[in-house]
Amino acid sequence: TFSTIGNIEGQWKLAGNELTSLSEQMLVSCDSKDNGCGGGFMDNAFEWIVKENSGKVYTEKSYPYVSGGGEEPACKPHGHEVGATITG
């Protein structure tokens, strides 16, 4: 989760965009291909973003991380600011 989001943040910046803090919580709560707080694989997370979330990665500000204590809130897929998009 954190490595996937960190990778996207770096690649987004290298592509000439503004460095944007992106949401790890989006993956923890919504990525059905991995295990939330139990972890997962970057390949699965990228695939989920592209195929299930139309390539959209939400900003940290609009979907903040709240799972620090092991909680996994239900996915809230709507109403978030898109901070980056990926295609594969």
PDB file of N, CA and C in Angstrom:
ATOM      1  N   THR A   1       0.816  -1.192   0.000  1.00  0.00           N
ATOM      2  CA  THR A   1       0.000   0.000   0.000  1.00  0.00           C
ATOM      3  C   THR A   1       0.861   1.257   0.000  1.00  0.00           C
ATOM      4  N   PHE A   2       1.723   1.374   1.003  1.00  0.00           N
ATOM      5  CA  PHE A   2       2.561   2.568   1.090  1.00  0.00           C
ATOM      6  C   PHE A   2       3.578   2.607  -0.041  1.00  0.00           C
ATOM      7  N   SER A   3       4.128   1.459  -0.414  1.00  0.00           N
ATOM      8  CA  SER A   3       5.106   1.442  -1.503  1.00  0.00           C
ATOM      9  C   SER A   3       4.433   1.756  -2.835  1.00  0.00           C
ATOM     10  N   THR A   4       3.225   1.278  -3.027  1.00  0.00           N
ATOM     11  CA  THR A   4       2.495   1.566  -4.265  1.00  0.00           C
ATOM     12  C   THR A   4       2.218   3.057  -4.382  1.00  0.00           C
ATOM     13  N   ILE A   5       1.683   3.648  -3.331  1.00  0.00           N
ATOM     14  CA  ILE A   5       1.351   5.072  -3.362  1.00  0.00           C
ATOM     15  C   ILE A   5       2.616   5.915  -3.488  1.00  0.00           C
ATOM     16  N   GLY A   6       3.675   5.555  -2.771  1.00  0.00           N
ATOM     17  CA  GLY A   6       4.941   6.279  -2.885  1.00  0.00           C
ATOM     18  C   GLY A   6       5.497   6.229  -4.294  1.00  0.00           C
ATOM     19  N   ASN A   7       5.385   5.076  -4.932  1.00  0.00           N
ATOM     20  CA  ASN A   7       5.839   4.929  -6.313  1.00  0.00           C
ATOM     21  C   ASN A   7       5.044   5.838  -7.244  1.00  0.00           C
ATOM     22  N   ILE A   8       3.745   5.848  -7.093  1.00  0.00           N
ATOM     23  CA  ILE A   8       2.898   6.688  -7.950  1.00  0.00           C
ATOM     24  C   ILE A   8       3.197   8.164  -7.717  1.00  0.00           C
ATOM     25  N   GLU A   9       3.374   8.566  -6.461  1.00  0.00           N
ATOM     26  CA  GLU A   9       3.716   9.967  -6.173  1.00  0.00           C
ATOM     27  C   GLU A   9       5.003  10.366  -6.890  1.00  0.00           C
ATOM     28  N   GLY A  10       6.021   9.526  -6.819  1.00  0.00           N
ATOM     29  CA  GLY A  10       7.296   9.828  -7.461  1.00  0.00           C
ATOM     30  C   GLY A  10       7.195   9.870  -8.972  1.00  0.00           C
ATOM     31  N   GLN A  11       6.514   8.898  -9.551  1.00  0.00           N
ATOM     32  CA  GLN A  11       6.361   8.860 -11.008  1.00  0.00           C
ATOM     33  C   GLN A  11       5.523  10.039 -11.506  1.00  0.00           C
ATOM     34  N   TRP A  12       4.523  10.421 -10.736  1.00  0.00           N
ATOM     35  CA  TRP A  12       3.673  11.566 -11.091  1.00  0.00           C
ATOM     36  C   TRP A  12       4.516  12.842 -11.154  1.00  0.00           C
ATOM     37  N   LYS A  13       5.382  13.023 -10.165  1.00  0.00           N
ATOM     38  CA  LYS A  13       6.270  14.191 -10.127  1.00  0.00           C
ATOM     39  C   LYS A  13       7.268  14.144 -11.281  1.00  0.00           C
ATOM     40  N   LEU A  14       7.875  12.980 -11.528  1.00  0.00           N
ATOM     41  CA  LEU A  14       8.846  12.853 -12.620  1.00  0.00           C
ATOM     42  C   LEU A  14       8.213  13.113 -13.985  1.00  0.00           C
ATOM     43  N   ALA A  15       6.912  12.892 -14.092  1.00  0.00           N
ATOM     44  CA  ALA A  15       6.198  13.143 -15.347  1.00  0.00           C
ATOM     45  C   ALA A  15       5.893  14.626 -15.548  1.00  0.00           C
ATOM     46  N   GLY A  16       6.335  15.473 -14.606  1.00  0.00           N
ATOM     47  CA  GLY A  16       6.167  16.914 -14.762  1.00  0.00           C
ATOM     48  C   GLY A  16       4.988  17.502 -14.016  1.00  0.00           C
ATOM     49  N   ASN A  17       4.356  16.708 -13.186  1.00  0.00           N
ATOM     50  CA  ASN A  17       3.210  17.186 -12.412  1.00  0.00           C
ATOM     51  C   ASN A  17       3.661  17.660 -11.039  1.00  0.00           C
ATOM     52  N   GLU A  18       2.776  18.354 -10.350  1.00  0.00           N
ATOM     53  CA  GLU A  18       3.061  18.816  -8.989  1.00  0.00           C
ATOM     54  C   GLU A  18       3.139  17.611  -8.047  1.00  0.00           C
ATOM     55  N   LEU A  19       4.107  17.630  -7.134  1.00  0.00           N
ATOM     56  CA  LEU A  19       4.204  16.568  -6.137  1.00  0.00           C
ATOM     57  C   LEU A  19       2.963  16.626  -5.251  1.00  0.00           C
ATOM     58  N   THR A  20       2.234  15.542  -5.219  1.00  0.00           N
ATOM     59  CA  THR A  20       0.956  15.490  -4.520  1.00  0.00           C
ATOM     60  C   THR A  20       0.953  14.323  -3.547  1.00  0.00           C
ATOM     61  N   SER A  21       0.518  14.554  -2.317  1.00  0.00           N
ATOM     62  CA  SER A  21       0.355  13.462  -1.354  1.00  0.00           C
ATOM     63  C   SER A  21      -0.905  12.695  -1.720  1.00  0.00           C
ATOM     64  N   LEU A  22      -0.738  11.401  -1.940  1.00  0.00           N
ATOM     65  CA  LEU A  22      -1.851  10.566  -2.377  1.00  0.00           C
ATOM     66  C   LEU A  22      -2.305   9.639  -1.249  1.00  0.00           C
ATOM     67  N   SER A  23      -3.480   9.084  -1.405  1.00  0.00           N
ATOM     68  CA  SER A  23      -4.160   8.356  -0.333  1.00  0.00           C
ATOM     69  C   SER A  23      -3.803   6.876  -0.239  1.00  0.00           C
ATOM     70  N   GLU A  24      -3.152   6.506   0.859  1.00  0.00           N
ATOM     71  CA  GLU A  24      -2.956   5.092   1.163  1.00  0.00           C
ATOM     72  C   GLU A  24      -4.270   4.463   1.611  1.00  0.00           C
ATOM     73  N   GLN A  25      -5.112   5.256   2.287  1.00  0.00           N
ATOM     74  CA  GLN A  25      -6.379   4.726   2.795  1.00  0.00           C
ATOM     75  C   GLN A  25      -7.253   4.210   1.670  1.00  0.00           C
ATOM     76  N   MET A  26      -7.186   4.838   0.509  1.00  0.00           N
ATOM     77  CA  MET A  26      -7.948   4.367  -0.643  1.00  0.00           C
ATOM     78  C   MET A  26      -7.648   2.895  -0.897  1.00  0.00           C
ATOM     79  N   LEU A  27      -6.360   2.520  -0.873  1.00  0.00           N
ATOM     80  CA  LEU A  27      -6.004   1.123  -1.110  1.00  0.00           C
ATOM     81  C   LEU A  27      -6.364   0.232   0.068  1.00  0.00           C
ATOM     82  N   VAL A  28      -6.109   0.692   1.285  1.00  0.00           N
ATOM     83  CA  VAL A  28      -6.423  -0.122   2.467  1.00  0.00           C
ATOM     84  C   VAL A  28      -7.913  -0.473   2.486  1.00  0.00           C
ATOM     85  N   SER A  29      -8.760   0.498   2.223  1.00  0.00           N
ATOM     86  CA  SER A  29     -10.202   0.285   2.338  1.00  0.00           C
ATOM     87  C   SER A  29     -10.859  -0.263   1.077  1.00  0.00           C
ATOM     88  N   CYS A  30     -10.320   0.046  -0.092  1.00  0.00           N
ATOM     89  CA  CYS A  30     -11.043  -0.260  -1.330  1.00  0.00           C
ATOM     90  C   CYS A  30     -10.430  -1.349  -2.206  1.00  0.00           C
ATOM     91  N   ASP A  31      -9.134  -1.555  -2.137  1.00  0.00           N
ATOM     92  CA  ASP A  31      -8.461  -2.524  -3.012  1.00  0.00           C
ATOM     93  C   ASP A  31      -8.862  -3.947  -2.629  1.00  0.00           C
ATOM     94  N   SER A  32      -9.770  -4.522  -3.396  1.00  0.00           N
ATOM     95  CA  SER A  32     -10.275  -5.866  -3.110  1.00  0.00           C
ATOM     96  C   SER A  32      -9.302  -6.966  -3.524  1.00  0.00           C
ATOM     97  N   LYS A  33      -8.228  -6.614  -4.203  1.00  0.00           N
ATOM     98  CA  LYS A  33      -7.239  -7.602  -4.637  1.00  0.00           C
ATOM     99  C   LYS A  33      -6.185  -7.879  -3.569  1.00  0.00           C
ATOM    100  N   ASP A  34      -6.142  -7.067  -2.512  1.00  0.00           N
ATOM    101  CA  ASP A  34      -5.155  -7.232  -1.451  1.00  0.00           C
ATOM    102  C   ASP A  34      -5.855  -7.362  -0.098  1.00  0.00           C
ATOM    103  N   ASN A  35      -5.098  -7.245   0.987  1.00  0.00           N
ATOM    104  CA  ASN A  35      -5.619  -7.575   2.312  1.00  0.00           C
ATOM    105  C   ASN A  35      -5.670  -6.409   3.290  1.00  0.00           C
ATOM    106  N   GLY A  36      -5.985  -5.216   2.834  1.00  0.00           N
ATOM    107  CA  GLY A  36      -6.136  -4.076   3.728  1.00  0.00           C
ATOM    108  C   GLY A  36      -4.934  -3.879   4.621  1.00  0.00           C
ATOM    109  N   CYS A  37      -5.151  -3.823   5.917  1.00  0.00           N
ATOM    110  CA  CYS A  37      -4.058  -3.638   6.879  1.00  0.00           C
ATOM    111  C   CYS A  37      -3.117  -4.832   6.908  1.00  0.00           C
ATOM    112  N   GLY A  38      -3.541  -5.965   6.356  1.00  0.00           N
ATOM    113  CA  GLY A  38      -2.704  -7.157   6.306  1.00  0.00           C
ATOM    114  C   GLY A  38      -1.688  -7.130   5.186  1.00  0.00           C
ATOM    115  N   GLY A  39      -1.731  -6.090   4.357  1.00  0.00           N
ATOM    116  CA  GLY A  39      -0.749  -5.945   3.288  1.00  0.00           C
ATOM    117  C   GLY A  39      -1.234  -6.498   1.959  1.00  0.00           C
ATOM    118  N   GLY A  40      -0.317  -6.498   1.015  1.00  0.00           N
ATOM    119  CA  GLY A  40      -0.647  -6.970  -0.320  1.00  0.00           C
ATOM    120  C   GLY A  40       0.535  -6.796  -1.247  1.00  0.00           C
ATOM    121  N   PHE A  41       0.268  -6.878  -2.521  1.00  0.00           N
ATOM    122  CA  PHE A  41       1.311  -6.795  -3.535  1.00  0.00           C
ATOM    123  C   PHE A  41       1.109  -5.570  -4.419  1.00  0.00           C
ATOM    124  N   MET A  42       2.228  -4.935  -4.779  1.00  0.00           N
ATOM    125  CA  MET A  42       2.152  -3.742  -5.625  1.00  0.00           C
ATOM    126  C   MET A  42       1.439  -4.040  -6.938  1.00  0.00           C
ATOM    127  N   ASP A  43       1.753  -5.172  -7.564  1.00  0.00           N
ATOM    128  CA  ASP A  43       1.119  -5.505  -8.840  1.00  0.00           C
ATOM    129  C   ASP A  43      -0.399  -5.542  -8.708  1.00  0.00           C
ATOM    130  N   ASN A  44      -0.881  -6.150  -7.634  1.00  0.00           N
ATOM    131  CA  ASN A  44      -2.329  -6.203  -7.405  1.00  0.00           C
ATOM    132  C   ASN A  44      -2.909  -4.812  -7.213  1.00  0.00           C
ATOM    133  N   ALA A  45      -2.208  -3.980  -6.455  1.00  0.00           N
ATOM    134  CA  ALA A  45      -2.697  -2.625  -6.194  1.00  0.00           C
ATOM    135  C   ALA A  45      -2.756  -1.801  -7.478  1.00  0.00           C
ATOM    136  N   PHE A  46      -1.703  -1.887  -8.301  1.00  0.00           N
ATOM    137  CA  PHE A  46      -1.720  -1.167  -9.579  1.00  0.00           C
ATOM    138  C   PHE A  46      -2.876  -1.657 -10.447  1.00  0.00           C
ATOM    139  N   GLU A  47      -3.055  -2.969 -10.497  1.00  0.00           N
ATOM    140  CA  GLU A  47      -4.137  -3.530 -11.305  1.00  0.00           C
ATOM    141  C   GLU A  47      -5.499  -3.048 -10.803  1.00  0.00           C
ATOM    142  N   TRP A  48      -5.688  -3.025  -9.478  1.00  0.00           N
ATOM    143  CA  TRP A  48      -6.956  -2.548  -8.934  1.00  0.00           C
ATOM    144  C   TRP A  48      -7.196  -1.089  -9.319  1.00  0.00           C
ATOM    145  N   ILE A  49      -6.170  -0.248  -9.179  1.00  0.00           N
ATOM    146  CA  ILE A  49      -6.327   1.174  -9.513  1.00  0.00           C
ATOM    147  C   ILE A  49      -6.742   1.335 -10.968  1.00  0.00           C
ATOM    148  N   VAL A  50      -6.039   0.653 -11.865  1.00  0.00           N
ATOM    149  CA  VAL A  50      -6.301   0.814 -13.299  1.00  0.00           C
ATOM    150  C   VAL A  50      -7.649   0.220 -13.700  1.00  0.00           C
ATOM    151  N   LYS A  51      -7.910  -1.011 -13.291  1.00  0.00           N
ATOM    152  CA  LYS A  51      -9.105  -1.712 -13.769  1.00  0.00           C
ATOM    153  C   LYS A  51     -10.369  -1.407 -12.976  1.00  0.00           C
ATOM    154  N   GLU A  52     -10.249  -1.265 -11.670  1.00  0.00           N
ATOM    155  CA  GLU A  52     -11.437  -1.103 -10.833  1.00  0.00           C
ATOM    156  C   GLU A  52     -11.720   0.348 -10.445  1.00  0.00           C
ATOM    157  N   ASN A  53     -10.698   1.204 -10.507  1.00  0.00           N
ATOM    158  CA  ASN A  53     -10.888   2.597 -10.100  1.00  0.00           C
ATOM    159  C   ASN A  53     -10.584   3.564 -11.246  1.00  0.00           C
ATOM    160  N   SER A  54     -10.641   3.056 -12.460  1.00  0.00           N
ATOM    161  CA  SER A  54     -10.459   3.871 -13.675  1.00  0.00           C
ATOM    162  C   SER A  54      -9.162   4.666 -13.676  1.00  0.00           C
ATOM    163  N   GLY A  55      -8.114   4.137 -13.023  1.00  0.00           N
ATOM    164  CA  GLY A  55      -6.813   4.799 -13.004  1.00  0.00           C
ATOM    165  C   GLY A  55      -6.699   5.958 -12.031  1.00  0.00           C
ATOM    166  N   LYS A  56      -7.754   6.217 -11.264  1.00  0.00           N
ATOM    167  CA  LYS A  56      -7.771   7.377 -10.363  1.00  0.00           C
ATOM    168  C   LYS A  56      -7.124   7.053  -9.020  1.00  0.00           C
ATOM    169  N   VAL A  57      -6.279   7.976  -8.558  1.00  0.00           N
ATOM    170  CA  VAL A  57      -5.681   7.879  -7.226  1.00  0.00           C
ATOM    171  C   VAL A  57      -6.068   9.157  -6.492  1.00  0.00           C
ATOM    172  N   TYR A  58      -6.708   9.007  -5.343  1.00  0.00           N
ATOM    173  CA  TYR A  58      -7.218  10.153  -4.606  1.00  0.00           C
ATOM    174  C   TYR A  58      -6.133  10.827  -3.776  1.00  0.00           C
ATOM    175  N   THR A  59      -6.356  12.096  -3.480  1.00  0.00           N
ATOM    176  CA  THR A  59      -5.402  12.830  -2.645  1.00  0.00           C
ATOM    177  C   THR A  59      -5.521  12.382  -1.188  1.00  0.00           C
ATOM    178  N   GLU A  60      -4.415  12.502  -0.477  1.00  0.00           N
ATOM    179  CA  GLU A  60      -4.397  12.212   0.960  1.00  0.00           C
ATOM    180  C   GLU A  60      -5.355  13.142   1.700  1.00  0.00           C
ATOM    181  N   LYS A  61      -5.409  14.388   1.252  1.00  0.00           N
ATOM    182  CA  LYS A  61      -6.267  15.381   1.906  1.00  0.00           C
ATOM    183  C   LYS A  61      -7.746  14.989   1.805  1.00  0.00           C
ATOM    184  N   SER A  62      -8.153  14.447   0.666  1.00  0.00           N
ATOM    185  CA  SER A  62      -9.564  14.118   0.482  1.00  0.00           C
ATOM    186  C   SER A  62      -9.942  12.731   1.011  1.00  0.00           C
ATOM    187  N   TYR A  63      -8.932  11.868   1.219  1.00  0.00           N
ATOM    188  CA  TYR A  63      -9.190  10.514   1.739  1.00  0.00           C
ATOM    189  C   TYR A  63      -8.040  10.165   2.684  1.00  0.00           C
ATOM    190  N   PRO A  64      -8.017  10.785   3.875  1.00  0.00           N
ATOM    191  CA  PRO A  64      -6.873  10.654   4.788  1.00  0.00           C
ATOM    192  C   PRO A  64      -6.727   9.254   5.389  1.00  0.00           C
ATOM    193  N   TYR A  65      -5.504   8.958   5.776  1.00  0.00           N
ATOM    194  CA  TYR A  65      -5.184   7.667   6.391  1.00  0.00           C
ATOM    195  C   TYR A  65      -5.685   7.633   7.828  1.00  0.00           C
ATOM    196  N   VAL A  66      -6.510   6.638   8.146  1.00  0.00           N
ATOM    197  CA  VAL A  66      -7.059   6.497   9.499  1.00  0.00           C
ATOM    198  C   VAL A  66      -6.861   5.088  10.064  1.00  0.00           C
ATOM    199  N   SER A  67      -6.128   4.246   9.354  1.00  0.00           N
ATOM    200  CA  SER A  67      -5.985   2.847   9.762  1.00  0.00           C
ATOM    201  C   SER A  67      -4.746   2.570  10.598  1.00  0.00           C
ATOM    202  N   GLY A  68      -4.140   3.592  11.171  1.00  0.00           N
ATOM    203  CA  GLY A  68      -2.923   3.416  11.953  1.00  0.00           C
ATOM    204  C   GLY A  68      -3.064   2.467  13.129  1.00  0.00           C
ATOM    205  N   GLY A  69      -4.253   2.339  13.662  1.00  0.00           N
ATOM    206  CA  GLY A  69      -4.484   1.437  14.783  1.00  0.00           C
ATOM    207  C   GLY A  69      -5.000   0.077  14.356  1.00  0.00           C
ATOM    208  N   GLY A  70      -4.974  -0.194  13.057  1.00  0.00           N
ATOM    209  CA  GLY A  70      -5.437  -1.471  12.545  1.00  0.00           C
ATOM    210  C   GLY A  70      -6.882  -1.488  12.085  1.00  0.00           C
ATOM    211  N   GLU A  71      -7.579  -0.359  12.202  1.00  0.00           N
ATOM    212  CA  GLU A  71      -8.962  -0.286  11.732  1.00  0.00           C
ATOM    213  C   GLU A  71      -8.973  -0.297  10.210  1.00  0.00           C
ATOM    214  N   GLU A  72     -10.005  -0.907   9.648  1.00  0.00           N
ATOM    215  CA  GLU A  72     -10.177  -0.893   8.199  1.00  0.00           C
ATOM    216  C   GLU A  72     -11.585  -0.408   7.882  1.00  0.00           C
ATOM    217  N   PRO A  73     -11.764   0.919   7.805  1.00  0.00           N
ATOM    218  CA  PRO A  73     -13.095   1.435   7.495  1.00  0.00           C
ATOM    219  C   PRO A  73     -13.555   0.973   6.111  1.00  0.00           C
ATOM    220  N   ALA A  74     -14.854   0.903   5.938  1.00  0.00           N
ATOM    221  CA  ALA A  74     -15.418   0.520   4.645  1.00  0.00           C
ATOM    222  C   ALA A  74     -14.972   1.495   3.560  1.00  0.00           C
ATOM    223  N   CYS A  75     -14.913   0.993   2.357  1.00  0.00           N
ATOM    224  CA  CYS A  75     -14.531   1.807   1.201  1.00  0.00           C
ATOM    225  C   CYS A  75     -15.556   2.918   0.976  1.00  0.00           C
ATOM    226  N   LYS A  76     -15.052   4.107   0.714  1.00  0.00           N
ATOM    227  CA  LYS A  76     -15.892   5.251   0.354  1.00  0.00           C
ATOM    228  C   LYS A  76     -15.435   5.708  -1.030  1.00  0.00           C
ATOM    229  N   PRO A  77     -15.987   5.109  -2.087  1.00  0.00           N
ATOM    230  CA  PRO A  77     -15.450   5.317  -3.427  1.00  0.00           C
ATOM    231  C   PRO A  77     -15.802   6.632  -4.110  1.00  0.00           C
ATOM    232  N   HIS A  78     -16.648   7.437  -3.521  1.00  0.00           N
ATOM    233  CA  HIS A  78     -17.086   8.655  -4.212  1.00  0.00           C
ATOM    234  C   HIS A  78     -16.787   9.904  -3.399  1.00  0.00           C
ATOM    235  N   GLY A  79     -16.681  11.030  -4.106  1.00  0.00           N
ATOM    236  CA  GLY A  79     -16.542  12.321  -3.455  1.00  0.00           C
ATOM    237  C   GLY A  79     -15.128  12.710  -3.079  1.00  0.00           C
ATOM    238  N   HIS A  80     -14.136  12.081  -3.691  1.00  0.00           N
ATOM    239  CA  HIS A  80     -12.744  12.389  -3.376  1.00  0.00           C
ATOM    240  C   HIS A  80     -12.078  13.110  -4.541  1.00  0.00           C
ATOM    241  N   GLU A  81     -11.117  13.947  -4.212  1.00  0.00           N
ATOM    242  CA  GLU A  81     -10.347  14.666  -5.221  1.00  0.00           C
ATOM    243  C   GLU A  81      -9.316  13.716  -5.834  1.00  0.00           C
ATOM    244  N   VAL A  82      -9.259  13.679  -7.150  1.00  0.00           N
ATOM    245  CA  VAL A  82      -8.270  12.861  -7.848  1.00  0.00           C
ATOM    246  C   VAL A  82      -6.960  13.636  -7.887  1.00  0.00           C
ATOM    247  N   GLY A  83      -5.904  13.027  -7.356  1.00  0.00           N
ATOM    248  CA  GLY A  83      -4.601  13.682  -7.319  1.00  0.00           C
ATOM    249  C   GLY A  83      -3.670  13.225  -8.412  1.00  0.00           C
ATOM    250  N   ALA A  84      -3.943  12.037  -8.974  1.00  0.00           N
ATOM    251  CA  ALA A  84      -3.117  11.488 -10.049  1.00  0.00           C
ATOM    252  C   ALA A  84      -3.935  10.434 -10.781  1.00  0.00           C
ATOM    253  N   THR A  85      -3.543  10.170 -12.003  1.00  0.00           N
ATOM    254  CA  THR A  85      -4.149   9.078 -12.757  1.00  0.00           C
ATOM    255  C   THR A  85      -3.037   8.236 -13.358  1.00  0.00           C
ATOM    256  N   ILE A  86      -3.279   6.929 -13.428  1.00  0.00           N
ATOM    257  CA  ILE A  86      -2.308   6.029 -14.046  1.00  0.00           C
ATOM    258  C   ILE A  86      -3.024   5.180 -15.089  1.00  0.00           C
ATOM    259  N   THR A  87      -2.244   4.673 -16.024  1.00  0.00           N
ATOM    260  CA  THR A  87      -2.825   3.848 -17.083  1.00  0.00           C
ATOM    261  C   THR A  87      -2.267   2.439 -17.106  1.00  0.00           C
ATOM    262  N   GLY A  88      -1.264   2.173 -16.338  1.00  0.00           N
ATOM    263  CA  GLY A  88      -0.743   0.805 -16.327  1.00  0.00           C
ATOM    264  C   GLY A  88       0.687   0.738 -15.913  1.00  0.00           C
TER     265      GLY A  88
END
